[in-house]
Amino acid sequence: MNQKPSSNRTQIIVVASLLGVGILALIGIFAYLFRGNIMLLVPPATPTQAIAPTVLVPTVTCEPQTFVLSAVTFHIQNLTLAADGSLTLPPSTSGVAYEFDSTEGNYLFLLSPTPENISLKTTLTAENTAKIIGADCSSRTFDISAPESNTVNVSALPNQLTSGLTIFFQTDTSGNGIVVRGDLTERTFP
């Protein structure tokens, strides 16, 4: 039995064609059987919630609040009146400017009688500036005057506030000191 090579080729083509027709027939039969339920074979889609984009807004903080006088930086701490209405300044705190909460537009800072603060007072002139930097990075800049020559007691300060800046340098433990005043020249916001 000798077959020609072309007959082998013909057999392969016939078998491949029959297999192709058989596969197409199976697909047709399955499509006919599942014609209304074809979506059951596909997993149902799950509804998704819309995801809102996250917006990152940088927050600027300048804490702690600072008070800059000439070239010296102080941390700000609040000072309030005592129960009897007196104003008492802690005696020996360097690097801290005490802010007395007064009305808007009147800023009162008190400096303890430390050697550093007293020496700073002697170097101030009318060309110096002072700057208050808030926790939100806003700032207020003041041109300051030379220290006043009259002595003031710390207890009288809340009644002597003027518009602008008042800096009180306590010079002794009895509450006496020198006042430096300043006028607002610039206000910035972050």
N, C-alpha and C. Protein backbone atom coordinates (compact mmCIF):
# COMPACT_ATOMS: atom_id res chain seq x y z
N MET A 1 0.80 -1.16 0.00
CA MET A 1 0.00 0.00 0.00
C MET A 1 0.85 1.23 0.00
N ASN A 2 0.96 1.69 -1.09
CA ASN A 2 1.72 2.91 -1.29
C ASN A 2 0.77 4.07 -1.50
N GLN A 3 0.86 5.00 -0.62
CA GLN A 3 0.02 6.19 -0.80
C GLN A 3 0.91 7.30 -1.25
N LYS A 4 0.31 8.17 -1.98
CA LYS A 4 1.05 9.31 -2.46
C LYS A 4 1.10 10.37 -1.36
N PRO A 5 2.18 11.17 -1.34
CA PRO A 5 2.27 12.21 -0.31
C PRO A 5 1.14 13.21 -0.42
N SER A 6 0.57 13.42 -1.57
CA SER A 6 -0.50 14.40 -1.70
C SER A 6 -1.77 13.90 -1.04
N SER A 7 -1.96 12.56 -0.97
CA SER A 7 -3.14 12.04 -0.31
C SER A 7 -3.05 12.23 1.19
N ASN A 8 -1.85 12.15 1.77
CA ASN A 8 -1.66 12.45 3.20
C ASN A 8 -2.03 13.90 3.49
N ARG A 9 -1.63 14.74 2.62
CA ARG A 9 -1.93 16.16 2.78
C ARG A 9 -3.42 16.39 2.69
N THR A 10 -4.08 15.69 1.81
CA THR A 10 -5.50 15.83 1.64
C THR A 10 -6.22 15.31 2.88
N GLN A 11 -5.74 14.25 3.45
CA GLN A 11 -6.34 13.71 4.68
C GLN A 11 -6.22 14.71 5.83
N ILE A 12 -5.07 15.33 5.96
CA ILE A 12 -4.84 16.31 7.03
C ILE A 12 -5.79 17.49 6.85
N ILE A 13 -5.97 17.95 5.64
CA ILE A 13 -6.85 19.09 5.38
C ILE A 13 -8.28 18.71 5.69
N VAL A 14 -8.70 17.49 5.33
CA VAL A 14 -10.07 17.05 5.58
C VAL A 14 -10.31 16.91 7.07
N VAL A 15 -9.37 16.34 7.81
CA VAL A 15 -9.51 16.16 9.26
C VAL A 15 -9.55 17.51 9.95
N ALA A 16 -8.68 18.44 9.58
CA ALA A 16 -8.64 19.77 10.18
C ALA A 16 -9.93 20.51 9.90
N SER A 17 -10.46 20.35 8.68
CA SER A 17 -11.73 21.02 8.33
C SER A 17 -12.86 20.46 9.15
N LEU A 18 -12.90 19.15 9.32
CA LEU A 18 -13.95 18.53 10.13
C LEU A 18 -13.86 18.95 11.60
N LEU A 19 -12.65 19.02 12.11
CA LEU A 19 -12.47 19.49 13.49
C LEU A 19 -12.96 20.93 13.63
N GLY A 20 -12.64 21.79 12.71
CA GLY A 20 -13.08 23.19 12.74
C GLY A 20 -14.59 23.30 12.70
N VAL A 21 -15.23 22.50 11.79
CA VAL A 21 -16.68 22.52 11.67
C VAL A 21 -17.30 21.98 12.95
N GLY A 22 -16.69 20.95 13.55
CA GLY A 22 -17.18 20.38 14.80
C GLY A 22 -17.11 21.38 15.95
N ILE A 23 -16.02 22.12 16.05
CA ILE A 23 -15.88 23.14 17.11
C ILE A 23 -16.91 24.23 16.92
N LEU A 24 -17.10 24.68 15.68
CA LEU A 24 -18.11 25.71 15.41
C LEU A 24 -19.50 25.21 15.73
N ALA A 25 -19.77 23.93 15.46
CA ALA A 25 -21.08 23.35 15.76
C ALA A 25 -21.30 23.31 17.27
N LEU A 26 -20.27 22.93 18.06
CA LEU A 26 -20.38 22.93 19.51
C LEU A 26 -20.65 24.33 20.06
N ILE A 27 -19.96 25.29 19.54
CA ILE A 27 -20.17 26.68 19.98
C ILE A 27 -21.60 27.09 19.66
N GLY A 28 -22.09 26.73 18.49
CA GLY A 28 -23.46 27.05 18.10
C GLY A 28 -24.47 26.39 19.01
N ILE A 29 -24.23 25.11 19.35
CA ILE A 29 -25.15 24.38 20.24
C ILE A 29 -25.17 25.03 21.62
N PHE A 30 -24.00 25.35 22.17
CA PHE A 30 -23.94 26.02 23.49
C PHE A 30 -24.62 27.38 23.46
N ALA A 31 -24.43 28.11 22.38
CA ALA A 31 -25.08 29.42 22.26
C ALA A 31 -26.59 29.26 22.21
N TYR A 32 -27.07 28.24 21.52
CA TYR A 32 -28.51 28.00 21.43
C TYR A 32 -29.07 27.59 22.79
N LEU A 33 -28.37 26.71 23.50
CA LEU A 33 -28.84 26.24 24.80
C LEU A 33 -28.85 27.35 25.85
N PHE A 34 -27.83 28.20 25.84
CA PHE A 34 -27.70 29.26 26.85
C PHE A 34 -28.08 30.63 26.29
N ARG A 35 -28.89 30.68 25.24
CA ARG A 35 -29.18 31.93 24.56
C ARG A 35 -29.73 33.01 25.49
N GLY A 36 -30.55 32.70 26.48
CA GLY A 36 -31.08 33.73 27.38
C GLY A 36 -30.23 33.88 28.63
N ASN A 37 -29.36 32.92 28.86
CA ASN A 37 -28.59 32.92 30.11
C ASN A 37 -27.09 33.05 29.87
N ILE A 38 -26.71 33.59 28.77
CA ILE A 38 -25.28 33.71 28.46
C ILE A 38 -24.56 34.60 29.48
N MET A 39 -25.30 35.56 30.09
CA MET A 39 -24.68 36.46 31.05
C MET A 39 -24.42 35.77 32.39
N LEU A 40 -25.05 34.57 32.60
CA LEU A 40 -24.78 33.83 33.83
C LEU A 40 -23.36 33.28 33.86
N LEU A 41 -22.78 33.10 32.71
CA LEU A 41 -21.42 32.60 32.64
C LEU A 41 -20.39 33.68 32.96
N VAL A 42 -20.79 34.93 32.82
CA VAL A 42 -19.89 36.05 33.10
C VAL A 42 -20.15 36.51 34.53
N PRO A 43 -19.13 36.67 35.37
CA PRO A 43 -19.37 37.12 36.74
C PRO A 43 -19.98 38.53 36.74
N PRO A 44 -20.96 38.74 37.64
CA PRO A 44 -21.62 40.05 37.66
C PRO A 44 -20.65 41.15 38.08
N ALA A 45 -20.85 42.28 37.50
CA ALA A 45 -20.01 43.44 37.84
C ALA A 45 -20.47 43.99 39.18
N THR A 46 -19.50 44.35 40.04
CA THR A 46 -19.85 44.92 41.33
C THR A 46 -19.79 46.44 41.21
N PRO A 47 -20.82 47.10 41.74
CA PRO A 47 -20.79 48.55 41.65
C PRO A 47 -19.66 49.11 42.52
N THR A 48 -19.01 50.09 42.02
CA THR A 48 -17.91 50.73 42.78
C THR A 48 -18.31 52.14 43.13
N GLN A 49 -17.85 52.55 44.26
CA GLN A 49 -18.11 53.93 44.67
C GLN A 49 -17.06 54.83 44.05
N ALA A 50 -17.50 56.00 43.72
CA ALA A 50 -16.56 56.97 43.16
C ALA A 50 -15.60 57.39 44.26
N ILE A 51 -14.37 57.43 43.94
CA ILE A 51 -13.36 57.83 44.91
C ILE A 51 -13.03 59.30 44.65
N ALA A 52 -13.26 60.09 45.69
CA ALA A 52 -12.95 61.51 45.57
C ALA A 52 -11.45 61.69 45.62
N PRO A 53 -10.92 62.55 44.79
CA PRO A 53 -9.47 62.78 44.83
C PRO A 53 -9.08 63.45 46.15
N THR A 54 -7.94 63.09 46.64
CA THR A 54 -7.44 63.68 47.87
C THR A 54 -6.60 64.89 47.50
N VAL A 55 -6.97 66.00 48.07
CA VAL A 55 -6.24 67.23 47.81
C VAL A 55 -5.40 67.52 49.05
N LEU A 56 -4.13 67.58 48.88
CA LEU A 56 -3.24 67.87 49.99
C LEU A 56 -2.92 69.36 49.97
N VAL A 57 -3.35 70.02 51.01
CA VAL A 57 -3.07 71.44 51.14
C VAL A 57 -2.03 71.59 52.24
N PRO A 58 -0.87 72.09 51.91
CA PRO A 58 0.15 72.19 52.95
C PRO A 58 -0.28 73.23 54.00
N THR A 59 -0.13 72.86 55.24
CA THR A 59 -0.43 73.80 56.30
C THR A 59 0.88 74.39 56.80
N VAL A 60 0.84 75.65 56.94
CA VAL A 60 2.04 76.35 57.36
C VAL A 60 1.90 76.69 58.83
N THR A 61 2.86 76.29 59.59
CA THR A 61 2.87 76.67 61.00
C THR A 61 4.22 77.26 61.33
N CYS A 62 4.18 78.27 62.12
CA CYS A 62 5.40 78.93 62.55
C CYS A 62 5.55 78.82 64.06
N GLU A 63 4.92 77.79 64.61
CA GLU A 63 4.97 77.67 66.05
C GLU A 63 6.39 77.37 66.47
N PRO A 64 6.85 77.83 67.56
CA PRO A 64 6.11 78.72 68.45
C PRO A 64 6.11 80.14 67.90
N GLN A 65 5.16 80.93 68.36
CA GLN A 65 5.11 82.33 67.96
C GLN A 65 6.38 83.01 68.45
N THR A 66 6.87 83.95 67.67
CA THR A 66 8.11 84.61 68.06
C THR A 66 7.97 86.13 67.98
N PHE A 67 8.82 86.77 68.75
CA PHE A 67 8.93 88.22 68.78
C PHE A 67 10.40 88.52 68.52
N VAL A 68 10.68 89.28 67.46
CA VAL A 68 12.06 89.60 67.09
C VAL A 68 12.27 91.08 67.34
N LEU A 69 13.22 91.39 68.20
CA LEU A 69 13.55 92.77 68.53
C LEU A 69 14.99 93.00 68.15
N SER A 70 15.18 93.93 67.20
CA SER A 70 16.49 94.17 66.62
C SER A 70 16.92 92.85 65.98
N ALA A 71 17.93 92.16 66.50
CA ALA A 71 18.34 90.87 65.93
C ALA A 71 18.15 89.73 66.92
N VAL A 72 17.43 89.98 68.00
CA VAL A 72 17.24 88.98 69.05
C VAL A 72 15.82 88.39 68.94
N THR A 73 15.73 87.07 68.95
CA THR A 73 14.45 86.38 68.83
C THR A 73 14.01 85.86 70.19
N PHE A 74 12.75 86.12 70.52
CA PHE A 74 12.15 85.67 71.77
C PHE A 74 10.97 84.76 71.44
N HIS A 75 10.75 83.76 72.28
CA HIS A 75 9.52 82.97 72.21
C HIS A 75 8.45 83.76 72.96
N ILE A 76 7.23 83.70 72.46
CA ILE A 76 6.13 84.46 73.08
C ILE A 76 5.36 83.56 74.03
N GLN A 77 5.13 84.07 75.24
CA GLN A 77 4.25 83.41 76.20
C GLN A 77 3.22 84.44 76.63
N ASN A 78 1.99 83.99 76.85
CA ASN A 78 0.93 84.91 77.26
C ASN A 78 1.05 85.22 78.74
N LEU A 79 0.65 86.44 79.08
CA LEU A 79 0.65 86.90 80.46
C LEU A 79 -0.70 87.56 80.72
N THR A 80 -1.33 87.18 81.79
CA THR A 80 -2.64 87.75 82.13
C THR A 80 -2.59 88.42 83.49
N LEU A 81 -3.60 89.21 83.75
CA LEU A 81 -3.69 89.87 85.05
C LEU A 81 -3.97 88.83 86.13
N ALA A 82 -3.41 89.07 87.30
CA ALA A 82 -3.69 88.20 88.44
C ALA A 82 -5.11 88.46 88.92
N ALA A 83 -5.59 87.65 89.84
CA ALA A 83 -6.96 87.78 90.35
C ALA A 83 -7.20 89.15 90.98
N ASP A 84 -6.15 89.75 91.58
CA ASP A 84 -6.31 91.07 92.20
C ASP A 84 -6.13 92.22 91.20
N GLY A 85 -5.95 91.89 89.93
CA GLY A 85 -5.82 92.92 88.90
C GLY A 85 -4.38 93.38 88.67
N SER A 86 -3.43 92.78 89.36
CA SER A 86 -2.03 93.18 89.18
C SER A 86 -1.40 92.40 88.02
N LEU A 87 -0.32 92.95 87.54
CA LEU A 87 0.42 92.34 86.44
C LEU A 87 1.82 92.03 86.98
N THR A 88 2.17 90.76 87.05
CA THR A 88 3.45 90.37 87.61
C THR A 88 4.24 89.63 86.54
N LEU A 89 5.48 90.06 86.38
CA LEU A 89 6.37 89.48 85.37
C LEU A 89 7.31 88.49 86.04
N PRO A 90 7.46 87.28 85.50
CA PRO A 90 8.45 86.35 86.06
C PRO A 90 9.84 86.99 86.05
N PRO A 91 10.62 86.85 87.13
CA PRO A 91 11.84 87.64 87.29
C PRO A 91 13.03 87.26 86.43
N SER A 92 13.21 86.02 86.06
CA SER A 92 14.47 85.67 85.40
C SER A 92 14.28 84.68 84.26
N THR A 93 13.63 85.12 83.20
CA THR A 93 13.44 84.24 82.05
C THR A 93 14.04 84.89 80.81
N SER A 94 15.13 84.31 80.36
CA SER A 94 15.78 84.80 79.13
C SER A 94 15.12 84.14 77.94
N GLY A 95 15.11 84.83 76.82
CA GLY A 95 14.60 84.26 75.58
C GLY A 95 13.09 84.21 75.50
N VAL A 96 12.38 84.83 76.47
CA VAL A 96 10.92 84.82 76.46
C VAL A 96 10.42 86.25 76.51
N ALA A 97 9.50 86.56 75.61
CA ALA A 97 8.80 87.85 75.65
C ALA A 97 7.37 87.54 76.07
N TYR A 98 6.93 88.16 77.14
CA TYR A 98 5.58 87.93 77.64
C TYR A 98 4.63 88.91 76.97
N GLU A 99 3.59 88.37 76.36
CA GLU A 99 2.60 89.21 75.68
C GLU A 99 1.39 89.36 76.57
N PHE A 100 1.06 90.60 76.86
CA PHE A 100 -0.16 90.88 77.62
C PHE A 100 -1.27 91.03 76.62
N ASP A 101 -2.30 90.21 76.76
CA ASP A 101 -3.42 90.22 75.82
C ASP A 101 -4.23 91.50 76.01
N SER A 102 -4.07 92.40 75.09
CA SER A 102 -4.80 93.67 75.16
C SER A 102 -5.75 93.73 73.97
N THR A 103 -6.23 94.89 73.64
CA THR A 103 -7.16 95.01 72.53
C THR A 103 -6.43 94.92 71.20
N GLU A 104 -7.15 94.62 70.14
CA GLU A 104 -6.57 94.50 68.79
C GLU A 104 -5.92 95.83 68.40
N GLY A 105 -4.73 95.73 67.91
CA GLY A 105 -4.01 96.93 67.49
C GLY A 105 -3.07 97.46 68.55
N ASN A 106 -3.20 96.99 69.77
CA ASN A 106 -2.30 97.36 70.86
C ASN A 106 -1.54 96.11 71.28
N TYR A 107 -0.24 96.11 71.08
CA TYR A 107 0.57 94.96 71.44
C TYR A 107 1.51 95.36 72.56
N LEU A 108 1.46 94.61 73.66
CA LEU A 108 2.30 94.88 74.82
C LEU A 108 3.15 93.66 75.10
N PHE A 109 4.48 93.85 75.04
CA PHE A 109 5.42 92.78 75.36
C PHE A 109 6.25 93.22 76.55
N LEU A 110 6.45 92.29 77.49
CA LEU A 110 7.20 92.55 78.70
C LEU A 110 8.41 91.62 78.74
N LEU A 111 9.57 92.18 79.08
CA LEU A 111 10.80 91.39 79.15
C LEU A 111 11.31 91.40 80.59
N SER A 112 11.67 90.22 81.08
CA SER A 112 12.15 90.07 82.45
C SER A 112 13.48 90.80 82.64
N PRO A 113 13.82 91.12 83.90
CA PRO A 113 15.07 91.85 84.17
C PRO A 113 16.31 90.96 84.17
N THR A 114 16.56 90.29 83.06
CA THR A 114 17.78 89.48 82.94
C THR A 114 18.89 90.37 82.38
N PRO A 115 20.14 90.02 82.63
CA PRO A 115 21.25 90.83 82.08
C PRO A 115 21.18 90.96 80.56
N GLU A 116 20.75 89.88 79.86
CA GLU A 116 20.66 89.93 78.39
C GLU A 116 19.62 90.96 77.94
N ASN A 117 18.46 90.97 78.61
CA ASN A 117 17.39 91.89 78.23
C ASN A 117 17.77 93.33 78.55
N ILE A 118 18.39 93.56 79.70
CA ILE A 118 18.78 94.92 80.07
C ILE A 118 19.85 95.44 79.12
N SER A 119 20.79 94.60 78.71
CA SER A 119 21.81 95.05 77.77
C SER A 119 21.21 95.31 76.39
N LEU A 120 20.21 94.56 76.00
CA LEU A 120 19.52 94.79 74.72
C LEU A 120 18.86 96.16 74.73
N LYS A 121 18.25 96.52 75.85
CA LYS A 121 17.57 97.82 75.97
C LYS A 121 18.54 98.96 75.70
N THR A 122 19.77 98.84 76.17
CA THR A 122 20.73 99.94 76.02
C THR A 122 21.23 100.08 74.58
N THR A 123 21.06 99.05 73.75
CA THR A 123 21.54 99.13 72.36
C THR A 123 20.47 99.56 71.38
N LEU A 124 19.21 99.69 71.83
CA LEU A 124 18.13 100.04 70.90
C LEU A 124 18.18 101.51 70.52
N THR A 125 17.93 101.74 69.23
CA THR A 125 17.84 103.11 68.71
C THR A 125 16.57 103.21 67.86
N ALA A 126 16.32 104.40 67.37
CA ALA A 126 15.13 104.63 66.55
C ALA A 126 15.22 103.94 65.19
N GLU A 127 16.38 103.43 64.80
CA GLU A 127 16.53 102.74 63.52
C GLU A 127 16.18 101.26 63.60
N ASN A 128 15.97 100.74 64.80
CA ASN A 128 15.68 99.32 64.97
C ASN A 128 14.22 99.02 64.65
N THR A 129 13.97 97.73 64.41
CA THR A 129 12.60 97.27 64.16
C THR A 129 12.27 96.13 65.12
N ALA A 130 10.99 95.88 65.23
CA ALA A 130 10.49 94.73 65.99
C ALA A 130 9.49 94.01 65.10
N LYS A 131 9.41 92.71 65.26
CA LYS A 131 8.51 91.92 64.41
C LYS A 131 7.83 90.85 65.27
N ILE A 132 6.52 90.73 65.08
CA ILE A 132 5.74 89.69 65.74
C ILE A 132 5.37 88.68 64.65
N ILE A 133 5.75 87.42 64.86
CA ILE A 133 5.43 86.36 63.89
C ILE A 133 4.45 85.41 64.56
N GLY A 134 3.24 85.33 64.00
CA GLY A 134 2.18 84.51 64.58
C GLY A 134 2.31 83.04 64.24
N ALA A 135 1.48 82.23 64.89
CA ALA A 135 1.49 80.78 64.66
C ALA A 135 1.10 80.43 63.23
N ASP A 136 0.35 81.31 62.55
CA ASP A 136 -0.05 81.08 61.16
C ASP A 136 0.93 81.70 60.17
N CYS A 137 2.08 82.15 60.65
CA CYS A 137 3.16 82.76 59.87
C CYS A 137 2.83 84.19 59.41
N SER A 138 1.73 84.75 59.87
CA SER A 138 1.50 86.16 59.58
C SER A 138 2.50 86.97 60.41
N SER A 139 2.79 88.17 59.97
CA SER A 139 3.75 88.98 60.73
C SER A 139 3.34 90.44 60.73
N ARG A 140 3.80 91.12 61.77
CA ARG A 140 3.61 92.56 61.91
C ARG A 140 4.98 93.15 62.22
N THR A 141 5.36 94.16 61.45
CA THR A 141 6.66 94.80 61.65
C THR A 141 6.43 96.22 62.14
N PHE A 142 7.24 96.62 63.11
CA PHE A 142 7.12 97.93 63.74
C PHE A 142 8.46 98.66 63.69
N ASP A 143 8.41 99.96 63.42
CA ASP A 143 9.57 100.82 63.62
C ASP A 143 9.50 101.27 65.06
N ILE A 144 10.61 101.11 65.78
CA ILE A 144 10.57 101.45 67.19
C ILE A 144 11.29 102.75 67.45
N SER A 145 10.92 103.37 68.56
CA SER A 145 11.56 104.61 68.98
C SER A 145 12.65 104.27 69.99
N ALA A 146 13.44 105.27 70.32
CA ALA A 146 14.45 105.08 71.36
C ALA A 146 13.73 104.89 72.69
N PRO A 147 14.37 104.21 73.65
CA PRO A 147 13.72 104.01 74.95
C PRO A 147 13.34 105.35 75.60
N GLU A 148 12.15 105.37 76.21
CA GLU A 148 11.70 106.58 76.90
C GLU A 148 12.50 106.77 78.18
N SER A 149 12.68 108.00 78.57
CA SER A 149 13.54 108.28 79.72
C SER A 149 12.83 108.09 81.06
N ASN A 150 11.51 108.20 81.09
CA ASN A 150 10.81 108.06 82.37
C ASN A 150 10.63 106.60 82.75
N THR A 151 10.68 106.35 84.04
CA THR A 151 10.49 105.00 84.57
C THR A 151 9.00 104.75 84.78
N VAL A 152 8.56 103.54 84.43
CA VAL A 152 7.17 103.16 84.56
C VAL A 152 7.12 101.89 85.40
N ASN A 153 6.05 101.73 86.18
CA ASN A 153 5.87 100.50 86.93
C ASN A 153 4.99 99.57 86.10
N VAL A 154 5.29 98.28 86.15
CA VAL A 154 4.59 97.29 85.36
C VAL A 154 3.08 97.30 85.64
N SER A 155 2.68 97.64 86.84
CA SER A 155 1.26 97.63 87.18
C SER A 155 0.48 98.73 86.45
N ALA A 156 1.17 99.79 86.01
CA ALA A 156 0.49 100.89 85.32
C ALA A 156 0.40 100.68 83.82
N LEU A 157 1.08 99.68 83.28
CA LEU A 157 1.14 99.48 81.82
C LEU A 157 -0.19 99.25 81.14
N PRO A 158 -1.08 98.40 81.66
CA PRO A 158 -2.33 98.17 80.93
C PRO A 158 -3.15 99.44 80.71
N ASN A 159 -2.96 100.46 81.54
CA ASN A 159 -3.70 101.71 81.39
C ASN A 159 -3.01 102.70 80.46
N GLN A 160 -1.78 102.42 80.05
CA GLN A 160 -1.01 103.35 79.22
C GLN A 160 -0.80 102.87 77.79
N LEU A 161 -1.60 101.92 77.37
CA LEU A 161 -1.41 101.38 76.03
C LEU A 161 -1.79 102.39 74.97
N THR A 162 -1.00 102.45 73.94
CA THR A 162 -1.29 103.27 72.77
C THR A 162 -1.40 102.35 71.57
N SER A 163 -1.92 102.86 70.50
CA SER A 163 -2.02 102.06 69.28
C SER A 163 -0.61 101.72 68.81
N GLY A 164 -0.38 100.48 68.47
CA GLY A 164 0.93 100.06 68.01
C GLY A 164 1.55 99.09 68.99
N LEU A 165 2.85 99.21 69.20
CA LEU A 165 3.62 98.28 70.01
C LEU A 165 4.18 99.00 71.23
N THR A 166 4.09 98.33 72.38
CA THR A 166 4.73 98.82 73.60
C THR A 166 5.59 97.68 74.13
N ILE A 167 6.87 97.96 74.35
CA ILE A 167 7.79 96.97 74.90
C ILE A 167 8.23 97.49 76.26
N PHE A 168 8.07 96.67 77.29
CA PHE A 168 8.45 97.06 78.64
C PHE A 168 9.65 96.24 79.07
N PHE A 169 10.76 96.93 79.38
CA PHE A 169 11.96 96.30 79.90
C PHE A 169 11.96 96.49 81.40
N GLN A 170 11.68 95.44 82.14
CA GLN A 170 11.71 95.56 83.60
C GLN A 170 13.17 95.64 84.03
N THR A 171 13.51 96.63 84.86
CA THR A 171 14.91 96.84 85.25
C THR A 171 15.20 96.40 86.67
N ASP A 172 14.17 96.16 87.49
CA ASP A 172 14.40 95.69 88.85
C ASP A 172 13.26 94.78 89.28
N THR A 173 13.44 94.15 90.42
CA THR A 173 12.43 93.19 90.88
C THR A 173 11.18 93.84 91.46
N SER A 174 11.22 95.17 91.68
CA SER A 174 10.04 95.85 92.21
C SER A 174 9.02 96.19 91.12
N GLY A 175 9.37 95.92 89.86
CA GLY A 175 8.42 96.14 88.77
C GLY A 175 8.65 97.41 87.98
N ASN A 176 9.71 98.15 88.26
CA ASN A 176 10.01 99.37 87.51
C ASN A 176 10.75 99.01 86.23
N GLY A 177 10.61 99.87 85.21
CA GLY A 177 11.29 99.61 83.96
C GLY A 177 11.14 100.74 82.97
N ILE A 178 11.66 100.51 81.79
CA ILE A 178 11.71 101.48 80.69
C ILE A 178 10.79 100.98 79.57
N VAL A 179 10.15 101.92 78.89
CA VAL A 179 9.23 101.60 77.80
C VAL A 179 9.84 102.02 76.46
N VAL A 180 9.64 101.15 75.45
CA VAL A 180 9.99 101.45 74.06
C VAL A 180 8.71 101.27 73.27
N ARG A 181 8.40 102.21 72.40
CA ARG A 181 7.16 102.14 71.62
C ARG A 181 7.49 101.95 70.14
N GLY A 182 6.52 101.41 69.41
CA GLY A 182 6.72 101.20 67.99
C GLY A 182 5.43 101.41 67.20
N ASP A 183 5.59 101.83 65.96
CA ASP A 183 4.46 102.05 65.06
C ASP A 183 4.46 100.97 63.98
N LEU A 184 3.26 100.46 63.68
CA LEU A 184 3.12 99.42 62.68
C LEU A 184 3.48 99.96 61.30
N THR A 185 4.39 99.24 60.62
CA THR A 185 4.80 99.67 59.27
C THR A 185 4.46 98.63 58.20
N GLU A 186 4.30 97.38 58.62
CA GLU A 186 4.03 96.34 57.63
C GLU A 186 3.29 95.20 58.28
N ARG A 187 2.34 94.63 57.53
CA ARG A 187 1.59 93.45 57.99
C ARG A 187 1.53 92.49 56.83
N THR A 188 1.97 91.25 57.04
CA THR A 188 1.96 90.25 55.97
C THR A 188 1.15 89.04 56.41
N PHE A 189 0.58 88.37 55.42
CA PHE A 189 -0.21 87.18 55.65
C PHE A 189 0.38 86.05 54.82
N PRO A 190 0.32 84.81 55.35
CA PRO A 190 0.92 83.69 54.58
C PRO A 190 0.12 83.39 53.32
